[in-house]
Protein backbone atom coordinates (compact mmCIF):
# COMPACT_ATOMS: atom_id res chain seq x y z
CA MET A 1 4.34 -5.67 -6.48
CA GLU A 2 5.32 -8.05 -9.27
CA ASP A 3 1.64 -8.06 -10.64
CA LYS A 4 1.54 -4.27 -10.77
CA GLU A 5 -1.91 -4.32 -8.79
CA VAL A 6 -3.33 -2.10 -6.23
CA TYR A 7 -4.22 -3.86 -3.03
CA THR A 8 -6.64 -2.42 -0.54
CA SER A 9 -7.75 -4.05 2.79
CA ASN A 10 -10.20 -2.65 5.14
CA LYS A 11 -10.27 -5.36 7.62
CA ASN A 12 -7.88 -6.90 10.25
CA ASN A 13 -8.15 -10.28 8.64
CA ASN A 14 -5.97 -12.94 7.01
CA LEU A 15 -6.25 -11.28 3.57
CA SER A 16 -4.13 -8.28 4.97
CA ILE A 17 -0.51 -8.19 3.68
CA PRO A 18 1.78 -8.36 6.68
CA ILE A 19 3.78 -5.21 6.26
CA THR A 20 5.94 -5.17 9.49
CA LYS A 21 7.43 -7.98 11.50
CA ASN A 22 6.58 -8.26 15.20
CA GLU A 23 7.42 -10.85 17.92
CA LYS A 24 3.75 -11.96 18.45
CA ASN A 25 2.69 -12.17 14.79
CA ASP A 26 -0.39 -10.04 15.59
CA LYS A 27 -1.79 -7.64 13.14
CA LYS A 28 -1.10 -4.11 14.24
CA PHE A 29 -2.63 -2.36 11.19
CA ASN A 30 -6.29 -2.59 10.30
CA SER A 31 -6.36 -0.89 6.86
CA GLN A 32 -3.92 -0.58 4.24
CA VAL A 33 -3.47 0.45 0.62
CA VAL A 34 -0.48 -0.76 -1.35
CA TYR A 35 0.17 0.77 -4.69
CA PRO A 36 2.94 -0.05 -7.10
CA ILE A 37 5.59 2.47 -8.23
CA ILE A 38 5.99 1.95 -11.99
CA SER A 39 9.15 3.27 -13.68
CA ASN A 40 9.82 2.51 -17.47
CA GLY A 41 7.30 -0.14 -17.33
CA ASP A 42 8.96 -2.04 -14.34
CA SER A 43 7.67 -2.24 -10.79
CA ILE A 44 10.47 -0.70 -8.60
CA GLY A 45 8.56 -0.37 -5.31
CA THR A 46 5.38 0.47 -3.51
CA VAL A 47 3.65 3.31 -1.68
CA ILE A 48 2.00 1.92 1.47
CA LEU A 49 -0.60 3.76 3.56
CA LEU A 50 -1.44 1.94 6.95
CA SER A 51 -3.93 2.55 9.70
CA LYS A 52 -3.67 1.48 13.34
CA GLU A 53 -7.19 2.67 14.15
CA PRO A 54 -9.68 -0.08 14.19
CA SER A 55 -12.64 2.04 12.80
CA THR A 56 -10.68 3.58 9.85
CA LYS A 57 -11.50 2.34 6.45
CA MET A 58 -9.46 3.04 3.35
CA SER A 59 -11.42 4.76 0.85
CA ASP A 60 -10.98 6.33 -2.83
CA VAL A 61 -9.22 9.33 -1.28
CA GLU A 62 -6.46 7.28 0.37
CA THR A 63 -6.12 5.25 -2.97
CA LYS A 64 -5.79 8.52 -4.99
CA VAL A 65 -3.16 9.72 -2.48
CA ALA A 66 -1.20 6.59 -2.97
CA GLN A 67 -1.58 6.70 -6.71
CA SER A 68 -0.33 10.27 -6.86
CA ALA A 69 2.58 9.52 -4.67
CA ALA A 70 3.49 6.34 -6.79
CA SER A 71 3.06 8.31 -10.05
CA PHE A 72 5.35 11.07 -8.94
CA LEU A 73 8.23 8.74 -7.63
CA GLY A 74 7.95 6.63 -10.74
CA SER A 75 8.27 9.68 -12.99
CA GLN A 76 11.24 10.89 -10.94
CA MET A 77 12.99 7.60 -11.23
CA GLU A 78 12.79 8.00 -15.16
CA ILE A 79 14.90 11.18 -15.11
């Protein structure tokens, strides 16, 4: 979030960002898109899309949805 970079993971591996905490430390989400919300040049949060389905892979469509949501939320915070 601090680097203002988009993160996409399509595999359930150690490169996935742990989003939720669970007792067994197992990975429940196989794919994820993390998109920063930028307001007045500062990162104020993220939009996160997650998938539990093992065969689902995040594509450009999901990245664009996260981008649109982050852009909307960022512009609303500037008002």
